[in-house]
Amino acid sequence: MPLEEIDYVKRKLQWMEDNGIWPNGMRYLWTDAFGVVLYVSLYEHTGDISWLSKAEDLVNDVYRVLGRQKGLRIGEEADRDGQYYHYLAMWLYALTILGKLRPAYKDEAINLVRQIHSRFVIPDMGVIWKMEEDLSGPYPGYGLGAMDAYDGYVAYKLLDAGELAAEIEEMEQLIAGSYERLMIDQDLGLGMMLWLCHFFPDEQWAKVQKNRSFLHLGRLWVDMPGYFCRQTGWREMRFAFTNYGISLGLQAWKQWLDRVNKLNLYFDDYKSGDEYDTNAITHVMACTSHFPGLFIQSKSSIDEGS
């Protein structure tokens, strides 16, 4: 079963707040999307309404800092300009989860799709990975993303398969033309692909990519001390936050839970000696590794509408 280490999460959240790391640090869309889902998961698990209030406060702060006329900026720091499609898709997932309790956020998510889809998506070709901040064109030096169509397809379908039928169809066509040849050789990409696949496990693209991801992750595993390396041939390179993303994918399938526990134990004391030791992305994703909550598709009180 997915982990529910709530005490760990509460201690980590308090430590981050005491040290001005998160949510009272710099805004970063990927991390904040994970944080919204974490807060709503804590609300569902505990029944404590303060967690839901924290989720809404965080959403408001993200829009205040990162919101643009169309879409959301990558992050608050100067070098985090532009817009990433896969970050926006993760934000859509966060709004979808919150929208199950507060319908206005579902409406906001649909509005966001209307703002960004036609700017990023080139029908029958692909999804632009990074755009200029005003969505006027592709960010210099960036092309099409390998996984972005999958991110968008899952996010749209979970949000509202009827309202977004045309956009979903465009993503479906992109997936149909790429899933058989798509080979991922990167730790976080493999973990997140597993997570995406678990929502629609009977679809052919998900079957193929699930099996391929597990096979490749098996090659990246370093059993002693217990982590997934960055990519093939880079056995010494590892990142905590990318391993936590793999953990999410593994827990979504309830597979290799011994490795989940090993990597959690290893990275709890790991020091990289760089900015990732104190970056919010490391510690918020650690929380989701120890408590994936509503990142995992299951029957919940939220889904039942209670």
Protein backbone atom coordinates (compact mmCIF):
# COMPACT_ATOMS: atom_id res chain seq x y z
CA MET A 1 0.00 0.00 0.00
CA PRO A 2 1.14 3.60 -0.54
CA LEU A 3 2.90 5.13 2.46
CA GLU A 4 1.02 7.28 4.98
CA GLU A 5 3.86 8.61 7.14
CA ILE A 6 1.94 11.63 8.38
CA ASP A 7 4.18 12.44 11.35
CA TYR A 8 7.19 12.61 9.03
CA VAL A 9 5.32 15.00 6.74
CA LYS A 10 4.21 17.27 9.57
CA ARG A 11 7.77 17.48 10.94
CA LYS A 12 9.18 18.20 7.49
CA LEU A 13 6.58 20.91 6.81
CA GLN A 14 7.31 22.58 10.13
CA TRP A 15 11.07 22.42 9.50
CA MET A 16 10.64 24.01 6.06
CA GLU A 17 8.47 26.80 7.44
CA ASP A 18 10.85 27.48 10.36
CA ASN A 19 13.72 27.82 7.90
CA GLY A 20 11.86 29.98 5.37
CA ILE A 21 12.09 27.30 2.67
CA TRP A 22 8.41 26.61 1.89
CA PRO A 23 5.63 27.74 1.65
CA ASN A 24 7.14 31.01 2.87
CA GLY A 25 10.01 30.89 0.39
CA MET A 26 10.31 31.67 -3.31
CA ARG A 27 7.49 30.45 -5.53
CA TYR A 28 8.23 27.63 -8.00
CA LEU A 29 5.33 26.18 -9.97
CA TRP A 30 6.34 22.50 -9.95
CA THR A 31 7.00 22.45 -6.21
CA ASP A 32 3.85 24.42 -5.42
CA ALA A 33 1.70 22.06 -7.51
CA PHE A 34 3.01 19.17 -5.44
CA GLY A 35 2.36 21.21 -2.31
CA VAL A 36 -1.28 21.88 -3.15
CA VAL A 37 -1.94 18.17 -3.62
CA LEU A 38 -0.05 17.43 -0.39
CA TYR A 39 -2.17 19.88 1.59
CA VAL A 40 -5.45 18.54 0.19
CA SER A 41 -4.24 14.99 0.91
CA LEU A 42 -3.56 15.95 4.52
CA TYR A 43 -7.03 17.45 4.77
CA GLU A 44 -8.61 14.28 3.41
CA HIS A 45 -6.57 12.09 5.76
CA THR A 46 -6.99 14.13 8.95
CA GLY A 47 -10.22 16.06 8.45
CA ASP A 48 -8.41 19.18 9.66
CA ILE A 49 -9.82 22.10 7.65
CA SER A 50 -6.66 24.14 8.19
CA TRP A 51 -4.88 22.01 5.56
CA LEU A 52 -7.52 22.91 3.00
CA SER A 53 -7.12 26.58 3.91
CA LYS A 54 -3.37 26.26 3.39
CA ALA A 55 -3.99 24.78 -0.07
CA GLU A 56 -6.20 27.70 -1.07
CA ASP A 57 -3.77 30.25 0.36
CA LEU A 58 -0.97 28.65 -1.63
CA VAL A 59 -2.96 28.75 -4.86
CA ASN A 60 -3.72 32.42 -4.31
CA ASP A 61 -0.05 33.18 -3.67
CA VAL A 62 1.06 31.29 -6.77
CA TYR A 63 -1.29 33.35 -8.92
CA ARG A 64 -0.21 36.55 -7.19
CA VAL A 65 3.48 35.89 -7.87
CA LEU A 66 3.60 33.68 -10.97
CA GLY A 67 0.28 34.42 -12.67
CA ARG A 68 0.42 36.06 -16.07
CA GLN A 69 -2.26 37.24 -18.49
CA LYS A 70 -2.04 33.79 -20.03
CA GLY A 71 -0.51 30.92 -18.04
CA LEU A 72 1.97 30.93 -15.17
CA ARG A 73 5.68 31.69 -15.01
CA ILE A 74 8.04 28.83 -14.10
CA GLY A 75 9.30 30.39 -10.89
CA GLU A 76 9.91 33.54 -8.94
CA GLU A 77 13.70 33.70 -9.24
CA ALA A 78 15.18 35.69 -12.11
CA ASP A 79 16.46 32.64 -14.01
CA ARG A 80 13.10 30.88 -13.86
CA ASP A 81 11.41 32.89 -16.56
CA GLY A 82 9.24 31.52 -19.35
CA GLN A 83 6.61 28.80 -19.10
CA TYR A 84 7.06 25.01 -19.07
CA TYR A 85 4.17 22.98 -20.38
CA HIS A 86 4.77 20.02 -18.06
CA TYR A 87 4.76 22.37 -15.05
CA LEU A 88 1.45 23.79 -16.20
CA ALA A 89 0.06 20.26 -16.60
CA MET A 90 1.09 19.44 -13.03
CA TRP A 91 -0.61 22.63 -11.86
CA LEU A 92 -3.75 21.53 -13.70
CA TYR A 93 -3.66 18.29 -11.73
CA ALA A 94 -3.35 20.23 -8.48
CA LEU A 95 -6.33 22.43 -9.39
CA THR A 96 -8.31 19.32 -10.36
CA ILE A 97 -7.72 17.77 -6.94
CA LEU A 98 -8.63 20.99 -5.12
CA GLY A 99 -11.57 21.49 -7.47
CA LYS A 100 -13.22 18.32 -6.20
CA LEU A 101 -13.83 20.24 -2.98
CA ARG A 102 -13.99 23.79 -4.31
CA PRO A 103 -15.52 23.73 -7.84
CA ALA A 104 -14.23 27.20 -8.70
CA TYR A 105 -10.74 25.73 -9.03
CA LYS A 106 -11.95 23.28 -11.66
CA ASP A 107 -13.30 26.23 -13.60
CA GLU A 108 -9.94 27.96 -13.19
CA ALA A 109 -8.15 24.88 -14.51
CA ILE A 110 -10.36 24.70 -17.60
CA ASN A 111 -9.74 28.40 -18.20
CA LEU A 112 -6.00 27.75 -17.97
CA VAL A 113 -6.23 25.03 -20.61
CA ARG A 114 -7.99 27.50 -22.90
CA GLN A 115 -5.15 29.97 -22.35
CA ILE A 116 -2.23 27.65 -23.00
CA HIS A 117 -3.22 24.73 -25.21
CA SER A 118 -3.15 26.35 -28.63
CA ARG A 119 0.08 28.19 -27.76
CA PHE A 120 2.02 25.05 -26.84
CA VAL A 121 0.45 22.35 -29.02
CA ILE A 122 1.30 21.90 -32.69
CA PRO A 123 -1.28 19.37 -33.99
CA ASP A 124 0.20 16.19 -35.47
CA MET A 125 3.69 17.36 -34.51
CA GLY A 126 4.14 17.81 -30.76
CA VAL A 127 4.06 20.05 -27.73
CA ILE A 128 6.56 22.87 -27.30
CA TRP A 129 8.52 22.23 -24.11
CA LYS A 130 9.15 25.84 -23.08
CA MET A 131 7.53 29.08 -24.22
CA GLU A 132 8.29 32.75 -23.77
CA GLU A 133 6.65 34.16 -20.67
CA ASP A 134 3.92 35.92 -22.65
CA LEU A 135 3.40 32.78 -24.78
CA SER A 136 4.32 34.76 -27.89
CA GLY A 137 6.58 31.99 -29.17
CA PRO A 138 8.95 29.17 -28.26
CA TYR A 139 11.71 30.03 -25.80
CA PRO A 140 15.01 30.30 -27.71
CA GLY A 141 16.88 27.03 -27.82
CA TYR A 142 13.95 24.80 -26.85
CA GLY A 143 12.03 22.39 -29.06
CA LEU A 144 9.33 19.78 -28.56
CA GLY A 145 8.98 17.87 -25.29
CA ALA A 146 9.16 14.09 -25.30
CA MET A 147 6.53 13.53 -22.59
CA ASP A 148 4.47 16.70 -22.71
CA ALA A 149 1.61 15.25 -24.75
CA TYR A 150 1.23 12.52 -22.11
CA ASP A 151 1.25 15.11 -19.31
CA GLY A 152 -1.46 17.10 -21.03
CA TYR A 153 -3.58 14.13 -22.03
CA VAL A 154 -3.76 12.80 -18.48
CA ALA A 155 -4.30 16.24 -16.93
CA TYR A 156 -7.08 17.14 -19.36
CA LYS A 157 -8.86 13.80 -19.12
CA LEU A 158 -8.85 13.86 -15.33
CA LEU A 159 -10.04 17.46 -15.33
CA ASP A 160 -13.04 17.19 -17.68
CA ALA A 161 -13.06 14.67 -20.52
CA GLY A 162 -16.23 16.16 -22.01
CA GLU A 163 -15.42 19.85 -21.87
CA LEU A 164 -11.90 19.27 -23.18
CA ALA A 165 -12.72 16.59 -25.76
CA ALA A 166 -11.11 18.44 -28.68
CA GLU A 167 -7.90 19.13 -26.79
CA ILE A 168 -7.75 15.54 -25.53
CA GLU A 169 -8.14 14.23 -29.06
CA GLU A 170 -5.17 16.29 -30.23
CA MET A 171 -3.03 14.91 -27.40
CA GLU A 172 -4.29 11.38 -28.09
CA GLN A 173 -3.14 11.64 -31.69
CA LEU A 174 0.30 12.80 -30.58
CA ILE A 175 0.56 9.88 -28.16
CA ALA A 176 -0.58 7.39 -30.80
CA GLY A 177 2.24 8.54 -33.04
CA SER A 178 4.96 8.41 -30.41
CA TYR A 179 4.38 5.86 -27.63
CA GLU A 180 5.85 2.86 -29.43
CA ARG A 181 9.17 4.59 -30.11
CA LEU A 182 9.43 6.73 -26.98
CA MET A 183 12.44 5.60 -24.91
CA ILE A 184 13.05 7.47 -21.65
CA ASP A 185 16.53 7.34 -20.12
CA GLN A 186 16.18 9.71 -17.20
CA ASP A 187 15.19 9.03 -13.61
CA LEU A 188 12.43 11.57 -13.02
CA GLY A 189 10.96 11.07 -16.47
CA LEU A 190 10.62 7.34 -15.85
CA GLY A 191 9.02 7.87 -12.45
CA MET A 192 6.54 10.39 -13.73
CA MET A 193 5.69 8.24 -16.75
CA LEU A 194 4.80 5.41 -14.38
CA TRP A 195 2.61 7.84 -12.45
CA LEU A 196 0.86 8.99 -15.65
CA CYS A 197 0.31 5.40 -16.80
CA HIS A 198 -1.46 4.35 -13.61
CA PHE A 199 -4.47 6.57 -14.32
CA PHE A 200 -5.39 4.75 -17.54
CA PRO A 201 -3.71 1.34 -17.19
CA ASP A 202 -5.78 -0.39 -19.87
CA GLU A 203 -4.82 2.00 -22.65
CA GLN A 204 -2.18 0.61 -24.98
CA TRP A 205 0.26 3.48 -24.60
CA ALA A 206 0.17 3.01 -20.83
CA LYS A 207 0.80 -0.73 -21.05
CA VAL A 208 3.82 -0.22 -23.29
CA GLN A 209 5.31 2.67 -21.33
CA LYS A 210 4.68 1.04 -17.95
CA ASN A 211 6.59 -2.10 -18.91
CA ARG A 212 9.37 -0.11 -20.55
CA SER A 213 9.71 2.20 -17.54
CA PHE A 214 9.98 -0.65 -15.03
CA LEU A 215 12.55 -2.39 -17.23
CA HIS A 216 14.70 0.70 -17.53
CA LEU A 217 14.40 1.69 -13.88
CA GLY A 218 15.70 -1.75 -12.98
CA ARG A 219 18.93 -0.83 -14.77
CA LEU A 220 19.23 2.45 -12.86
CA TRP A 221 18.86 0.94 -9.39
CA VAL A 222 22.00 0.95 -7.21
CA ASP A 223 21.17 -1.53 -4.46
CA MET A 224 23.85 -0.42 -2.03
CA PRO A 225 23.19 2.07 -0.55
CA GLY A 226 19.81 2.20 -2.30
CA TYR A 227 18.96 4.83 -4.93
CA PHE A 228 18.18 5.26 -8.61
CA CYS A 229 20.99 6.92 -10.56
CA ARG A 230 20.35 9.74 -12.99
CA GLN A 231 20.54 7.75 -16.23
CA THR A 232 22.33 4.84 -17.89
CA GLY A 233 26.05 4.84 -17.10
CA TRP A 234 25.82 7.59 -14.46
CA ARG A 235 25.77 5.35 -11.38
CA GLU A 236 27.31 7.93 -9.08
CA MET A 237 24.93 10.77 -10.01
CA ARG A 238 21.75 10.90 -7.94
CA PHE A 239 19.26 13.51 -6.89
CA ALA A 240 16.88 13.25 -3.97
CA PHE A 241 13.94 14.96 -5.65
CA THR A 242 14.13 12.81 -8.78
CA ASN A 243 14.20 9.65 -6.66
CA TYR A 244 11.12 10.91 -4.84
CA GLY A 245 9.43 11.23 -8.23
CA ILE A 246 10.31 7.61 -8.95
CA SER A 247 8.90 6.69 -5.55
CA LEU A 248 5.60 8.27 -6.55
CA GLY A 249 5.47 6.20 -9.73
CA LEU A 250 6.32 2.97 -7.92
CA GLN A 251 3.73 3.56 -5.21
CA ALA A 252 1.11 4.30 -7.86
CA TRP A 253 1.59 0.72 -9.06
CA LYS A 254 2.25 -0.74 -5.58
CA GLN A 255 5.50 -2.16 -6.91
CA TRP A 256 9.05 -2.30 -5.55
CA LEU A 257 7.97 -0.88 -2.21
CA ASP A 258 11.16 -2.23 -0.64
CA ARG A 259 13.09 0.10 -2.94
CA VAL A 260 10.80 2.98 -2.01
CA ASN A 261 11.66 2.43 1.65
CA LYS A 262 15.36 2.10 0.88
CA LEU A 263 15.56 5.33 -1.10
CA ASN A 264 13.53 7.20 1.50
CA LEU A 265 15.90 6.01 4.20
CA TYR A 266 18.97 6.85 2.13
CA PHE A 267 17.90 10.36 1.18
CA ASP A 268 16.62 11.26 4.64
CA ASP A 269 20.28 11.75 5.66
CA TYR A 270 21.81 12.46 2.25
CA LYS A 271 23.65 15.74 1.68
CA SER A 272 24.47 16.73 -1.88
CA GLY A 273 26.53 19.73 -0.82
CA ASP A 274 24.73 22.04 -3.24
CA GLU A 275 21.56 24.13 -3.40
CA TYR A 276 19.35 21.03 -3.48
CA ASP A 277 20.01 20.46 0.24
CA THR A 278 17.77 23.42 1.04
CA ASN A 279 15.67 23.78 -2.12
CA ALA A 280 11.96 23.37 -1.51
CA ILE A 281 11.61 20.90 -4.39
CA THR A 282 13.71 18.36 -2.46
CA HIS A 283 11.70 18.53 0.73
CA VAL A 284 8.17 18.94 -0.64
CA MET A 285 8.74 15.93 -2.90
CA ALA A 286 10.14 14.06 0.11
CA CYS A 287 6.78 14.62 1.76
CA THR A 288 4.94 13.15 -1.23
CA SER A 289 7.27 10.14 -1.25
CA HIS A 290 6.43 9.46 2.40
CA PHE A 291 2.74 10.28 1.83
CA PRO A 292 1.62 10.29 -1.85
CA GLY A 293 -2.01 10.72 -0.83
CA LEU A 294 -4.18 12.02 -3.66
CA PHE A 295 -1.42 11.60 -6.22
CA ILE A 296 -2.47 7.97 -6.26
CA GLN A 297 -5.75 7.12 -7.96
CA SER A 298 -7.99 5.40 -5.46
CA LYS A 299 -11.39 5.57 -3.86
CA SER A 300 -11.40 8.51 -1.46
CA SER A 301 -13.87 10.62 0.44
CA ILE A 302 -13.16 13.45 -2.01
CA ASP A 303 -14.04 11.28 -5.01
CA GLU A 304 -17.21 10.20 -3.24
CA GLY A 305 -18.13 13.84 -2.67
CA SER A 306 -18.31 13.63 1.11
